[in-house]
Amino acid sequence: MKRKITIRIRPLHLSLLMDVRPLVWLALLTLISGAVFVISVGIGEMYIPPGDVIAALTGQGSPADIMVINSLRLPRVLTALLVGMALAVAGAILQGVVRNPLASPDVIGITGGASVGAVACLTLLTGIGSQWVSVAALAGGALTTFLIYLLAWKKGVSPFRLILIGIGVNAAAVGLTSLLLIISPIHTTSQAMVWLTGSVYASSWETVWRTAAQVAVFLPLTLLSSRHLNAQELGESLATGLGSRVQLHRLLLVLYSVALAGIAVAAAGPIGFVGLMAPHIARMLTGPSQGQLLPVAAVTGALLVMVADLTARTAFSPLDLPAGLFTAVLGAPFLIVLLLKSERHV
């Protein structure tokens, strides 16, 4: 059996050489994600067996099943899937650009900036539509990244300065978010606090279509830039020697990461640690090549958020807890293990 296969996309003049193992893992994770998707859609106060879920999704189920699935459950599960993909790829990009396994949108300040924008919109502009909260989150993430890049610039942007300044800006964003919560009325504060826990509870079809359209733009762009991400991981000198325009590609990759993280935060709030965990899990399965890692990371992130949301809905029923609570429960020990492993290599 061949260990490598060539994938050619002739209209784009693109050719990829891929190992068989990552493709096997991608197929396996996709099957597991599909199973979790069907189970998650079927579980609730009204249990729907997997066979009936599949029938309802194809338009052949009972009217009651179709109504429950289409109106209540499907938007939530699809939002969880899309948010997980976006966060995982955003984290993988940052880890490649910064060349630091602890980098993620949570750590570098992108999620914090998006949270400031969304919380400001919720607390200062009462009664505003959800689409404007999404715009505010994207704008907050973009402005924060611009500030980080500006402060980190010194004849170019080094990964070390980028992550250090990002940590500082993230701390400032957390403080600003707390200030907005303190000075706002109690009813808007409670609404913002629910959003800040990271939940797909209130997802609608509007959320799904908006998020899907945005993810469909930025995920392909990221995959097409995977070779530049591979060059970034080699270090600035080697990347320049290979003919890569390091600063330009670094800026573009960071912007893609900002966009994906902002899209996820706008849809579901700051669901933590997915951008840290999913790329690491994918890297263990596929190796460091970004063309192989990014698709596996995307499916892994989708699986993590769907499982977290399913657990949040069912573990303490009838309470419906935020998915971000369970990703934090998984992510905190994961981060500790990474820190201990990094310390052993120092």
C-alpha atoms as a PDB file:
ATOM      1  CA  MET A   1       0.000   0.000   0.000  1.00  0.00           C
ATOM      2  CA  LYS A   2       1.340   3.441  -0.927  1.00  0.00           C
ATOM      3  CA  ARG A   3       2.148   5.663   2.048  1.00  0.00           C
ATOM      4  CA  LYS A   4       1.625   8.883   0.068  1.00  0.00           C
ATOM      5  CA  ILE A   5      -0.895   9.997  -2.519  1.00  0.00           C
ATOM      6  CA  THR A   6      -1.009  13.087  -4.751  1.00  0.00           C
ATOM      7  CA  ILE A   7      -4.104  15.303  -4.852  1.00  0.00           C
ATOM      8  CA  ARG A   8      -4.312  17.729  -7.798  1.00  0.00           C
ATOM      9  CA  ILE A   9      -6.827  20.564  -8.101  1.00  0.00           C
ATOM     10  CA  ARG A  10      -6.254  21.589 -11.711  1.00  0.00           C
ATOM     11  CA  PRO A  11      -8.459  24.733 -11.860  1.00  0.00           C
ATOM     12  CA  LEU A  12      -6.467  26.232  -8.955  1.00  0.00           C
ATOM     13  CA  HIS A  13      -3.116  24.878 -10.215  1.00  0.00           C
ATOM     14  CA  LEU A  14      -2.703  23.265  -6.792  1.00  0.00           C
ATOM     15  CA  SER A  15      -1.027  19.960  -5.995  1.00  0.00           C
ATOM     16  CA  LEU A  16      -0.793  18.294  -2.586  1.00  0.00           C
ATOM     17  CA  LEU A  17       1.306  15.303  -1.519  1.00  0.00           C
ATOM     18  CA  MET A  18      -0.377  13.678   1.473  1.00  0.00           C
ATOM     19  CA  ASP A  19       0.338  10.712   3.692  1.00  0.00           C
ATOM     20  CA  VAL A  20      -2.318   8.015   3.811  1.00  0.00           C
ATOM     21  CA  ARG A  21      -2.381   8.022   7.635  1.00  0.00           C
ATOM     22  CA  PRO A  22      -3.815  11.579   8.003  1.00  0.00           C
ATOM     23  CA  LEU A  23      -6.502  10.741   5.442  1.00  0.00           C
ATOM     24  CA  VAL A  24      -7.450   7.638   7.427  1.00  0.00           C
ATOM     25  CA  TRP A  25      -7.660   9.699  10.633  1.00  0.00           C
ATOM     26  CA  LEU A  26      -9.676  12.362   8.844  1.00  0.00           C
ATOM     27  CA  ALA A  27     -12.169   9.771   7.591  1.00  0.00           C
ATOM     28  CA  LEU A  28     -12.399   8.113  11.018  1.00  0.00           C
ATOM     29  CA  LEU A  29     -12.922  11.411  12.873  1.00  0.00           C
ATOM     30  CA  THR A  30     -15.518  12.458  10.296  1.00  0.00           C
ATOM     31  CA  LEU A  31     -17.452   9.221  10.900  1.00  0.00           C
ATOM     32  CA  ILE A  32     -17.273   9.712  14.684  1.00  0.00           C
ATOM     33  CA  SER A  33     -18.396  13.332  14.310  1.00  0.00           C
ATOM     34  CA  GLY A  34     -21.304  12.202  12.133  1.00  0.00           C
ATOM     35  CA  ALA A  35     -22.361   9.684  14.792  1.00  0.00           C
ATOM     36  CA  VAL A  36     -22.127  12.310  17.556  1.00  0.00           C
ATOM     37  CA  PHE A  37     -24.085  14.728  15.352  1.00  0.00           C
ATOM     38  CA  VAL A  38     -26.965  12.255  14.921  1.00  0.00           C
ATOM     39  CA  ILE A  39     -26.968  11.286  18.624  1.00  0.00           C
ATOM     40  CA  SER A  40     -26.866  14.915  19.722  1.00  0.00           C
ATOM     41  CA  VAL A  41     -29.789  15.846  17.477  1.00  0.00           C
ATOM     42  CA  GLY A  42     -31.815  12.946  18.879  1.00  0.00           C
ATOM     43  CA  ILE A  43     -31.196  13.458  22.605  1.00  0.00           C
ATOM     44  CA  GLY A  44     -33.373  15.811  24.615  1.00  0.00           C
ATOM     45  CA  GLU A  45     -36.556  15.866  26.640  1.00  0.00           C
ATOM     46  CA  MET A  46     -38.137  14.083  23.691  1.00  0.00           C
ATOM     47  CA  TYR A  47     -35.769  11.250  22.701  1.00  0.00           C
ATOM     48  CA  ILE A  48     -35.601  10.483  18.984  1.00  0.00           C
ATOM     49  CA  PRO A  49     -33.781   7.261  17.930  1.00  0.00           C
ATOM     50  CA  PRO A  50     -30.889   7.640  15.458  1.00  0.00           C
ATOM     51  CA  GLY A  51     -32.842   5.965  12.659  1.00  0.00           C
ATOM     52  CA  ASP A  52     -35.704   8.405  13.089  1.00  0.00           C
ATOM     53  CA  VAL A  53     -33.234  11.317  13.199  1.00  0.00           C
ATOM     54  CA  ILE A  54     -31.766  10.287   9.843  1.00  0.00           C
ATOM     55  CA  ALA A  55     -35.278   9.883   8.416  1.00  0.00           C
ATOM     56  CA  ALA A  56     -36.257  13.347   9.669  1.00  0.00           C
ATOM     57  CA  LEU A  57     -33.078  14.913   8.250  1.00  0.00           C
ATOM     58  CA  THR A  58     -33.938  13.473   4.831  1.00  0.00           C
ATOM     59  CA  GLY A  59     -37.536  14.735   5.095  1.00  0.00           C
ATOM     60  CA  GLN A  60     -39.088  11.276   5.599  1.00  0.00           C
ATOM     61  CA  GLY A  61     -39.696  11.310   9.376  1.00  0.00           C
ATOM     62  CA  SER A  62     -42.845  12.064  11.318  1.00  0.00           C
ATOM     63  CA  PRO A  63     -44.030  15.706  11.405  1.00  0.00           C
ATOM     64  CA  ALA A  64     -43.376  15.889  15.162  1.00  0.00           C
ATOM     65  CA  ASP A  65     -39.769  14.679  14.789  1.00  0.00           C
ATOM     66  CA  ILE A  66     -39.113  17.036  11.879  1.00  0.00           C
ATOM     67  CA  MET A  67     -40.505  19.990  13.821  1.00  0.00           C
ATOM     68  CA  VAL A  68     -38.431  19.281  16.955  1.00  0.00           C
ATOM     69  CA  ILE A  69     -35.223  18.647  15.005  1.00  0.00           C
ATOM     70  CA  ASN A  70     -35.482  21.506  12.519  1.00  0.00           C
ATOM     71  CA  SER A  71     -36.784  24.125  14.931  1.00  0.00           C
ATOM     72  CA  LEU A  72     -34.943  23.352  18.167  1.00  0.00           C
ATOM     73  CA  ARG A  73     -31.979  21.006  17.870  1.00  0.00           C
ATOM     74  CA  LEU A  74     -30.436  21.181  14.427  1.00  0.00           C
ATOM     75  CA  PRO A  75     -29.444  24.884  14.559  1.00  0.00           C
ATOM     76  CA  ARG A  76     -27.749  24.333  17.913  1.00  0.00           C
ATOM     77  CA  VAL A  77     -25.745  21.278  16.820  1.00  0.00           C
ATOM     78  CA  LEU A  78     -24.742  22.850  13.488  1.00  0.00           C
ATOM     79  CA  THR A  79     -23.574  25.989  15.284  1.00  0.00           C
ATOM     80  CA  ALA A  80     -21.483  23.849  17.652  1.00  0.00           C
ATOM     81  CA  LEU A  81     -19.931  22.067  14.658  1.00  0.00           C
ATOM     82  CA  LEU A  82     -19.065  25.302  12.834  1.00  0.00           C
ATOM     83  CA  VAL A  83     -17.754  27.039  15.961  1.00  0.00           C
ATOM     84  CA  GLY A  84     -15.498  24.078  16.761  1.00  0.00           C
ATOM     85  CA  MET A  85     -14.052  24.066  13.246  1.00  0.00           C
ATOM     86  CA  ALA A  86     -13.379  27.806  13.305  1.00  0.00           C
ATOM     87  CA  LEU A  87     -11.719  27.805  16.741  1.00  0.00           C
ATOM     88  CA  ALA A  88      -9.556  24.773  15.966  1.00  0.00           C
ATOM     89  CA  VAL A  89      -8.205  26.190  12.702  1.00  0.00           C
ATOM     90  CA  ALA A  90      -7.659  29.617  14.310  1.00  0.00           C
ATOM     91  CA  GLY A  91      -5.584  27.941  17.023  1.00  0.00           C
ATOM     92  CA  ALA A  92      -3.605  25.860  14.528  1.00  0.00           C
ATOM     93  CA  ILE A  93      -2.711  28.986  12.553  1.00  0.00           C
ATOM     94  CA  LEU A  94      -1.491  30.824  15.643  1.00  0.00           C
ATOM     95  CA  GLN A  95       0.581  27.885  16.846  1.00  0.00           C
ATOM     96  CA  GLY A  96       2.234  27.724  13.426  1.00  0.00           C
ATOM     97  CA  VAL A  97       2.861  31.462  13.107  1.00  0.00           C
ATOM     98  CA  VAL A  98       4.058  31.978  16.684  1.00  0.00           C
ATOM     99  CA  ARG A  99       5.909  28.632  16.750  1.00  0.00           C
ATOM    100  CA  ASN A 100       4.645  28.100  20.287  1.00  0.00           C
ATOM    101  CA  PRO A 101       2.491  25.093  21.269  1.00  0.00           C
ATOM    102  CA  LEU A 102       0.695  27.167  23.927  1.00  0.00           C
ATOM    103  CA  ALA A 103      -0.584  29.782  21.462  1.00  0.00           C
ATOM    104  CA  SER A 104      -4.334  30.019  20.914  1.00  0.00           C
ATOM    105  CA  PRO A 105      -6.921  32.765  20.335  1.00  0.00           C
ATOM    106  CA  ASP A 106      -7.642  32.700  24.092  1.00  0.00           C
ATOM    107  CA  VAL A 107      -4.015  33.317  25.062  1.00  0.00           C
ATOM    108  CA  ILE A 108      -2.991  35.910  22.494  1.00  0.00           C
ATOM    109  CA  GLY A 109      -5.959  38.223  23.135  1.00  0.00           C
ATOM    110  CA  ILE A 110      -8.120  37.728  20.035  1.00  0.00           C
ATOM    111  CA  THR A 111     -10.971  36.123  21.968  1.00  0.00           C
ATOM    112  CA  GLY A 112     -10.642  38.748  24.699  1.00  0.00           C
ATOM    113  CA  GLY A 113     -10.960  41.586  22.182  1.00  0.00           C
ATOM    114  CA  ALA A 114     -13.968  39.969  20.524  1.00  0.00           C
ATOM    115  CA  SER A 115     -15.560  39.567  23.965  1.00  0.00           C
ATOM    116  CA  VAL A 116     -15.061  43.267  24.736  1.00  0.00           C
ATOM    117  CA  GLY A 117     -16.803  44.207  21.487  1.00  0.00           C
ATOM    118  CA  ALA A 118     -19.752  41.878  22.065  1.00  0.00           C
ATOM    119  CA  VAL A 119     -20.183  42.778  25.753  1.00  0.00           C
ATOM    120  CA  ALA A 120     -20.031  46.494  24.933  1.00  0.00           C
ATOM    121  CA  CYS A 121     -22.767  45.951  22.350  1.00  0.00           C
ATOM    122  CA  LEU A 122     -24.928  43.951  24.789  1.00  0.00           C
ATOM    123  CA  THR A 123     -24.513  46.290  27.755  1.00  0.00           C
ATOM    124  CA  LEU A 124     -24.380  49.738  26.144  1.00  0.00           C
ATOM    125  CA  LEU A 125     -26.797  49.228  23.235  1.00  0.00           C
ATOM    126  CA  THR A 126     -29.797  47.462  24.768  1.00  0.00           C
ATOM    127  CA  GLY A 127     -32.354  45.789  22.515  1.00  0.00           C
ATOM    128  CA  ILE A 128     -29.959  45.510  19.587  1.00  0.00           C
ATOM    129  CA  GLY A 129     -30.212  42.573  17.190  1.00  0.00           C
ATOM    130  CA  SER A 130     -27.949  39.515  17.398  1.00  0.00           C
ATOM    131  CA  GLN A 131     -26.385  40.317  14.026  1.00  0.00           C
ATOM    132  CA  TRP A 132     -24.938  43.519  15.492  1.00  0.00           C
ATOM    133  CA  VAL A 133     -23.470  41.592  18.422  1.00  0.00           C
ATOM    134  CA  SER A 134     -21.684  39.456  15.819  1.00  0.00           C
ATOM    135  CA  VAL A 135     -20.408  42.553  14.024  1.00  0.00           C
ATOM    136  CA  ALA A 136     -19.214  44.018  17.340  1.00  0.00           C
ATOM    137  CA  ALA A 137     -17.383  40.790  18.226  1.00  0.00           C
ATOM    138  CA  LEU A 138     -15.612  40.677  14.854  1.00  0.00           C
ATOM    139  CA  ALA A 139     -14.715  44.362  15.128  1.00  0.00           C
ATOM    140  CA  GLY A 140     -13.391  43.882  18.681  1.00  0.00           C
ATOM    141  CA  GLY A 141     -11.194  40.975  17.617  1.00  0.00           C
ATOM    142  CA  ALA A 142      -9.884  42.877  14.586  1.00  0.00           C
ATOM    143  CA  LEU A 143      -9.084  46.054  16.557  1.00  0.00           C
ATOM    144  CA  THR A 144      -7.350  44.063  19.288  1.00  0.00           C
ATOM    145  CA  THR A 145      -5.210  42.252  16.741  1.00  0.00           C
ATOM    146  CA  PHE A 146      -4.311  45.543  15.059  1.00  0.00           C
ATOM    147  CA  LEU A 147      -3.219  46.907  18.456  1.00  0.00           C
ATOM    148  CA  ILE A 148      -1.164  43.781  19.202  1.00  0.00           C
ATOM    149  CA  TYR A 149       0.495  43.914  15.778  1.00  0.00           C
ATOM    150  CA  LEU A 150       1.224  47.631  16.142  1.00  0.00           C
ATOM    151  CA  LEU A 151       2.811  47.200  19.576  1.00  0.00           C
ATOM    152  CA  ALA A 152       4.756  44.114  18.456  1.00  0.00           C
ATOM    153  CA  TRP A 153       6.179  45.765  15.323  1.00  0.00           C
ATOM    154  CA  LYS A 154       9.908  46.409  15.459  1.00  0.00           C
ATOM    155  CA  LYS A 155      11.394  46.117  11.968  1.00  0.00           C
ATOM    156  CA  GLY A 156       8.879  43.341  11.483  1.00  0.00           C
ATOM    157  CA  VAL A 157       6.902  41.234  13.943  1.00  0.00           C
ATOM    158  CA  SER A 158       8.692  38.455  15.787  1.00  0.00           C
ATOM    159  CA  PRO A 159       6.604  35.560  17.140  1.00  0.00           C
ATOM    160  CA  PHE A 160       8.066  36.038  20.647  1.00  0.00           C
ATOM    161  CA  ARG A 161       7.027  39.715  20.847  1.00  0.00           C
ATOM    162  CA  LEU A 162       3.636  38.892  19.329  1.00  0.00           C
ATOM    163  CA  ILE A 163       2.705  36.376  21.998  1.00  0.00           C
ATOM    164  CA  LEU A 164       4.075  38.407  24.933  1.00  0.00           C
ATOM    165  CA  ILE A 165       2.218  41.556  23.901  1.00  0.00           C
ATOM    166  CA  GLY A 166      -0.860  39.464  23.132  1.00  0.00           C
ATOM    167  CA  ILE A 167      -0.885  38.110  26.693  1.00  0.00           C
ATOM    168  CA  GLY A 168      -0.691  41.663  28.050  1.00  0.00           C
ATOM    169  CA  VAL A 169      -3.455  42.952  25.778  1.00  0.00           C
ATOM    170  CA  ASN A 170      -5.600  39.951  26.706  1.00  0.00           C
ATOM    171  CA  ALA A 171      -5.275  40.850  30.385  1.00  0.00           C
ATOM    172  CA  ALA A 172      -6.371  44.418  29.583  1.00  0.00           C
ATOM    173  CA  ALA A 173      -9.342  43.089  27.579  1.00  0.00           C
ATOM    174  CA  VAL A 174     -10.453  40.915  30.506  1.00  0.00           C
ATOM    175  CA  GLY A 175     -10.294  43.960  32.794  1.00  0.00           C
ATOM    176  CA  LEU A 176     -12.279  46.088  30.335  1.00  0.00           C
ATOM    177  CA  THR A 177     -14.925  43.376  30.026  1.00  0.00           C
ATOM    178  CA  SER A 178     -15.270  43.254  33.826  1.00  0.00           C
ATOM    179  CA  LEU A 179     -15.622  47.054  33.942  1.00  0.00           C
ATOM    180  CA  LEU A 180     -18.419  46.964  31.359  1.00  0.00           C
ATOM    181  CA  LEU A 181     -20.240  44.316  33.392  1.00  0.00           C
ATOM    182  CA  ILE A 182     -19.910  46.351  36.606  1.00  0.00           C
ATOM    183  CA  ILE A 183     -21.225  49.632  35.193  1.00  0.00           C
ATOM    184  CA  SER A 184     -24.112  48.159  33.180  1.00  0.00           C
ATOM    185  CA  PRO A 185     -27.689  47.550  34.448  1.00  0.00           C
ATOM    186  CA  ILE A 186     -28.345  44.200  36.095  1.00  0.00           C
ATOM    187  CA  HIS A 187     -30.564  42.811  33.302  1.00  0.00           C
ATOM    188  CA  THR A 188     -27.981  43.480  30.589  1.00  0.00           C
ATOM    189  CA  THR A 189     -25.197  42.202  32.858  1.00  0.00           C
ATOM    190  CA  SER A 190     -26.969  38.868  33.295  1.00  0.00           C
ATOM    191  CA  GLN A 191     -27.453  38.579  29.529  1.00  0.00           C
ATOM    192  CA  ALA A 192     -23.772  39.337  28.921  1.00  0.00           C
ATOM    193  CA  MET A 193     -22.667  36.876  31.615  1.00  0.00           C
ATOM    194  CA  VAL A 194     -24.604  34.063  29.933  1.00  0.00           C
ATOM    195  CA  TRP A 195     -22.942  34.950  26.623  1.00  0.00           C
ATOM    196  CA  LEU A 196     -19.475  35.047  28.231  1.00  0.00           C
ATOM    197  CA  THR A 197     -19.777  31.454  29.476  1.00  0.00           C
ATOM    198  CA  GLY A 198     -19.719  30.251  25.862  1.00  0.00           C
ATOM    199  CA  SER A 199     -22.947  28.561  24.833  1.00  0.00           C
ATOM    200  CA  VAL A 200     -24.780  27.579  21.651  1.00  0.00           C
ATOM    201  CA  TYR A 201     -28.091  27.463  23.551  1.00  0.00           C
ATOM    202  CA  ALA A 202     -29.808  30.325  21.713  1.00  0.00           C
ATOM    203  CA  SER A 203     -28.613  29.396  18.219  1.00  0.00           C
ATOM    204  CA  SER A 204     -31.052  29.996  15.377  1.00  0.00           C
ATOM    205  CA  TRP A 205     -31.028  29.289  11.663  1.00  0.00           C
ATOM    206  CA  GLU A 206     -29.917  32.883  11.173  1.00  0.00           C
ATOM    207  CA  THR A 207     -26.840  32.119  13.303  1.00  0.00           C
ATOM    208  CA  VAL A 208     -26.164  28.944  11.329  1.00  0.00           C
ATOM    209  CA  TRP A 209     -26.370  30.548   7.880  1.00  0.00           C
ATOM    210  CA  ARG A 210     -24.313  33.579   8.891  1.00  0.00           C
ATOM    211  CA  THR A 211     -21.605  31.460  10.527  1.00  0.00           C
ATOM    212  CA  ALA A 212     -21.543  28.894   7.712  1.00  0.00           C
ATOM    213  CA  ALA A 213     -21.148  31.593   5.055  1.00  0.00           C
ATOM    214  CA  GLN A 214     -18.235  33.183   6.908  1.00  0.00           C
ATOM    215  CA  VAL A 215     -16.492  29.877   7.665  1.00  0.00           C
ATOM    216  CA  ALA A 216     -16.913  28.822   4.017  1.00  0.00           C
ATOM    217  CA  VAL A 217     -14.861  31.858   2.995  1.00  0.00           C
ATOM    218  CA  PHE A 218     -11.986  31.665   5.478  1.00  0.00           C
ATOM    219  CA  LEU A 219     -11.391  27.906   5.812  1.00  0.00           C
ATOM    220  CA  PRO A 220     -10.465  27.443   2.117  1.00  0.00           C
ATOM    221  CA  LEU A 221      -8.239  30.539   2.266  1.00  0.00           C
ATOM    222  CA  THR A 222      -6.432  29.028   5.238  1.00  0.00           C
ATOM    223  CA  LEU A 223      -5.970  25.666   3.512  1.00  0.00           C
ATOM    224  CA  LEU A 224      -4.597  27.379   0.417  1.00  0.00           C
ATOM    225  CA  SER A 225      -2.077  29.211   2.645  1.00  0.00           C
ATOM    226  CA  SER A 226      -0.914  26.042   4.413  1.00  0.00           C
ATOM    227  CA  ARG A 227       2.419  25.964   2.535  1.00  0.00           C
ATOM    228  CA  HIS A 228       3.216  29.472   3.826  1.00  0.00           C
ATOM    229  CA  LEU A 229       2.351  28.300   7.335  1.00  0.00           C
ATOM    230  CA  ASN A 230       4.800  25.413   6.919  1.00  0.00           C
ATOM    231  CA  ALA A 231       7.483  27.947   5.927  1.00  0.00           C
ATOM    232  CA  GLN A 232       6.678  30.120   8.969  1.00  0.00           C
ATOM    233  CA  GLU A 233       7.310  27.161  11.278  1.00  0.00           C
ATOM    234  CA  LEU A 234      10.856  26.802   9.907  1.00  0.00           C
ATOM    235  CA  GLY A 235      11.825  30.209  11.278  1.00  0.00           C
ATOM    236  CA  GLU A 236      12.220  33.583   9.622  1.00  0.00           C
ATOM    237  CA  SER A 237      15.660  33.002   8.062  1.00  0.00           C
ATOM    238  CA  LEU A 238      14.810  29.673   6.456  1.00  0.00           C
ATOM    239  CA  ALA A 239      11.397  30.898   5.314  1.00  0.00           C
ATOM    240  CA  THR A 240      13.006  33.915   3.646  1.00  0.00           C
ATOM    241  CA  GLY A 241      15.576  31.636   2.015  1.00  0.00           C
ATOM    242  CA  LEU A 242      12.742  29.550   0.558  1.00  0.00           C
ATOM    243  CA  GLY A 243      11.344  32.673  -1.092  1.00  0.00           C
ATOM    244  CA  SER A 244       8.472  33.254   1.333  1.00  0.00           C
ATOM    245  CA  ARG A 245       7.449  36.873   2.002  1.00  0.00           C
ATOM    246  CA  VAL A 246       7.490  36.289   5.732  1.00  0.00           C
ATOM    247  CA  GLN A 247       5.923  39.486   7.093  1.00  0.00           C
ATOM    248  CA  LEU A 248       3.166  39.629   4.459  1.00  0.00           C
ATOM    249  CA  HIS A 249       2.191  35.984   4.904  1.00  0.00           C
ATOM    250  CA  ARG A 250       2.420  36.282   8.702  1.00  0.00           C
ATOM    251  CA  LEU A 251       0.002  39.219   8.607  1.00  0.00           C
ATOM    252  CA  LEU A 252      -2.419  37.385   6.306  1.00  0.00           C
ATOM    253  CA  LEU A 253      -2.348  34.224   8.427  1.00  0.00           C
ATOM    254  CA  VAL A 254      -2.955  36.195  11.619  1.00  0.00           C
ATOM    255  CA  LEU A 255      -5.876  37.958   9.920  1.00  0.00           C
ATOM    256  CA  TYR A 256      -7.374  34.598   8.933  1.00  0.00           C
ATOM    257  CA  SER A 257      -7.011  33.438  12.534  1.00  0.00           C
ATOM    258  CA  VAL A 258      -8.655  36.642  13.801  1.00  0.00           C
ATOM    259  CA  ALA A 259     -11.548  36.234  11.385  1.00  0.00           C
ATOM    260  CA  LEU A 260     -12.178  32.594  12.343  1.00  0.00           C
ATOM    261  CA  ALA A 261     -11.906  33.266  16.075  1.00  0.00           C
ATOM    262  CA  GLY A 262     -14.173  36.315  15.758  1.00  0.00           C
ATOM    263  CA  ILE A 263     -16.745  34.293  13.800  1.00  0.00           C
ATOM    264  CA  ALA A 264     -16.778  31.625  16.520  1.00  0.00           C
ATOM    265  CA  VAL A 265     -17.019  34.109  19.386  1.00  0.00           C
ATOM    266  CA  ALA A 266     -19.780  36.017  17.590  1.00  0.00           C
ATOM    267  CA  ALA A 267     -21.828  32.819  17.207  1.00  0.00           C
ATOM    268  CA  ALA A 268     -21.342  31.202  20.605  1.00  0.00           C
ATOM    269  CA  GLY A 269     -19.332  33.409  22.929  1.00  0.00           C
ATOM    270  CA  PRO A 270     -15.800  32.621  24.118  1.00  0.00           C
ATOM    271  CA  ILE A 271     -15.663  28.804  24.250  1.00  0.00           C
ATOM    272  CA  GLY A 272     -12.225  28.299  25.728  1.00  0.00           C
ATOM    273  CA  PHE A 273      -9.366  25.857  25.073  1.00  0.00           C
ATOM    274  CA  VAL A 274     -10.723  24.406  21.798  1.00  0.00           C
ATOM    275  CA  GLY A 275      -8.132  26.393  19.835  1.00  0.00           C
ATOM    276  CA  LEU A 276      -5.455  24.944  22.111  1.00  0.00           C
ATOM    277  CA  MET A 277      -6.554  21.298  22.329  1.00  0.00           C
ATOM    278  CA  ALA A 278      -7.736  20.488  18.793  1.00  0.00           C
ATOM    279  CA  PRO A 279      -4.485  21.416  16.962  1.00  0.00           C
ATOM    280  CA  HIS A 280      -2.417  19.390  19.456  1.00  0.00           C
ATOM    281  CA  ILE A 281      -4.626  16.340  19.080  1.00  0.00           C
ATOM    282  CA  ALA A 282      -4.457  16.693  15.281  1.00  0.00           C
ATOM    283  CA  ARG A 283      -0.672  17.102  15.371  1.00  0.00           C
ATOM    284  CA  MET A 284      -0.317  13.848  17.348  1.00  0.00           C
ATOM    285  CA  LEU A 285      -2.385  12.056  14.688  1.00  0.00           C
ATOM    286  CA  THR A 286      -0.979  13.579  11.493  1.00  0.00           C
ATOM    287  CA  GLY A 287       2.423  15.121  12.183  1.00  0.00           C
ATOM    288  CA  PRO A 288       3.432  18.761  11.704  1.00  0.00           C
ATOM    289  CA  SER A 289       2.596  19.322   8.009  1.00  0.00           C
ATOM    290  CA  GLN A 290      -0.095  22.025   7.937  1.00  0.00           C
ATOM    291  CA  GLY A 291      -1.819  20.772   4.791  1.00  0.00           C
ATOM    292  CA  GLN A 292      -2.606  17.557   6.664  1.00  0.00           C
ATOM    293  CA  LEU A 293      -3.028  19.065  10.117  1.00  0.00           C
ATOM    294  CA  LEU A 294      -5.602  21.778   9.369  1.00  0.00           C
ATOM    295  CA  PRO A 295      -8.435  19.533   8.058  1.00  0.00           C
ATOM    296  CA  VAL A 296      -7.957  17.048  10.921  1.00  0.00           C
ATOM    297  CA  ALA A 297      -7.843  19.909  13.442  1.00  0.00           C
ATOM    298  CA  ALA A 298     -11.102  21.314  12.022  1.00  0.00           C
ATOM    299  CA  VAL A 299     -12.933  17.994  12.424  1.00  0.00           C
ATOM    300  CA  THR A 300     -11.408  17.484  15.891  1.00  0.00           C
ATOM    301  CA  GLY A 301     -12.570  20.944  16.992  1.00  0.00           C
ATOM    302  CA  ALA A 302     -16.086  20.275  15.697  1.00  0.00           C
ATOM    303  CA  LEU A 303     -16.157  16.984  17.591  1.00  0.00           C
ATOM    304  CA  LEU A 304     -14.922  18.605  20.828  1.00  0.00           C
ATOM    305  CA  VAL A 305     -17.575  21.336  20.822  1.00  0.00           C
ATOM    306  CA  MET A 306     -20.396  18.967  19.849  1.00  0.00           C
ATOM    307  CA  VAL A 307     -19.448  16.554  22.645  1.00  0.00           C
ATOM    308  CA  ALA A 308     -19.127  19.448  25.112  1.00  0.00           C
ATOM    309  CA  ASP A 309     -22.562  20.773  24.153  1.00  0.00           C
ATOM    310  CA  LEU A 310     -24.130  17.292  24.321  1.00  0.00           C
ATOM    311  CA  THR A 311     -22.634  16.777  27.790  1.00  0.00           C
ATOM    312  CA  ALA A 312     -23.790  20.239  28.885  1.00  0.00           C
ATOM    313  CA  ARG A 313     -27.362  19.446  27.837  1.00  0.00           C
ATOM    314  CA  THR A 314     -27.603  15.966  29.325  1.00  0.00           C
ATOM    315  CA  ALA A 315     -25.190  15.542  32.259  1.00  0.00           C
ATOM    316  CA  PHE A 316     -27.199  17.673  34.701  1.00  0.00           C
ATOM    317  CA  SER A 317     -30.651  17.557  33.110  1.00  0.00           C
ATOM    318  CA  PRO A 318     -32.976  19.482  33.357  1.00  0.00           C
ATOM    319  CA  LEU A 319     -30.246  22.130  33.724  1.00  0.00           C
ATOM    320  CA  ASP A 320     -28.799  23.270  30.394  1.00  0.00           C
ATOM    321  CA  LEU A 321     -25.211  24.294  31.092  1.00  0.00           C
ATOM    322  CA  PRO A 322     -22.852  26.191  28.758  1.00  0.00           C
ATOM    323  CA  ALA A 323     -20.583  24.155  26.478  1.00  0.00           C
ATOM    324  CA  GLY A 324     -17.687  26.442  27.471  1.00  0.00           C
ATOM    325  CA  LEU A 325     -17.848  25.071  31.000  1.00  0.00           C
ATOM    326  CA  PHE A 326     -16.985  21.564  29.807  1.00  0.00           C
ATOM    327  CA  THR A 327     -14.280  22.623  27.355  1.00  0.00           C
ATOM    328  CA  ALA A 328     -12.674  24.476  30.290  1.00  0.00           C
ATOM    329  CA  VAL A 329     -12.875  21.330  32.440  1.00  0.00           C
ATOM    330  CA  LEU A 330     -11.007  19.439  29.703  1.00  0.00           C
ATOM    331  CA  GLY A 331      -8.715  22.284  28.695  1.00  0.00           C
ATOM    332  CA  ALA A 332      -7.299  23.241  32.080  1.00  0.00           C
ATOM    333  CA  PRO A 333      -5.607  19.853  32.764  1.00  0.00           C
ATOM    334  CA  PHE A 334      -4.613  19.689  29.077  1.00  0.00           C
ATOM    335  CA  LEU A 335      -2.779  23.013  29.458  1.00  0.00           C
ATOM    336  CA  ILE A 336      -1.072  21.827  32.657  1.00  0.00           C
ATOM    337  CA  VAL A 337       0.185  18.699  30.883  1.00  0.00           C
ATOM    338  CA  LEU A 338       1.531  20.828  28.008  1.00  0.00           C
ATOM    339  CA  LEU A 339       3.320  23.117  30.459  1.00  0.00           C
ATOM    340  CA  LEU A 340       4.908  20.147  32.228  1.00  0.00           C
ATOM    341  CA  LYS A 341       6.022  18.631  28.907  1.00  0.00           C
ATOM    342  CA  SER A 342       7.462  21.974  27.787  1.00  0.00           C
ATOM    343  CA  GLU A 343       9.347  22.295  31.078  1.00  0.00           C
ATOM    344  CA  ARG A 344      10.974  18.892  30.594  1.00  0.00           C
ATOM    345  CA  HIS A 345      12.292  19.978  27.183  1.00  0.00           C
ATOM    346  CA  VAL A 346      13.816  23.210  28.523  1.00  0.00           C
END
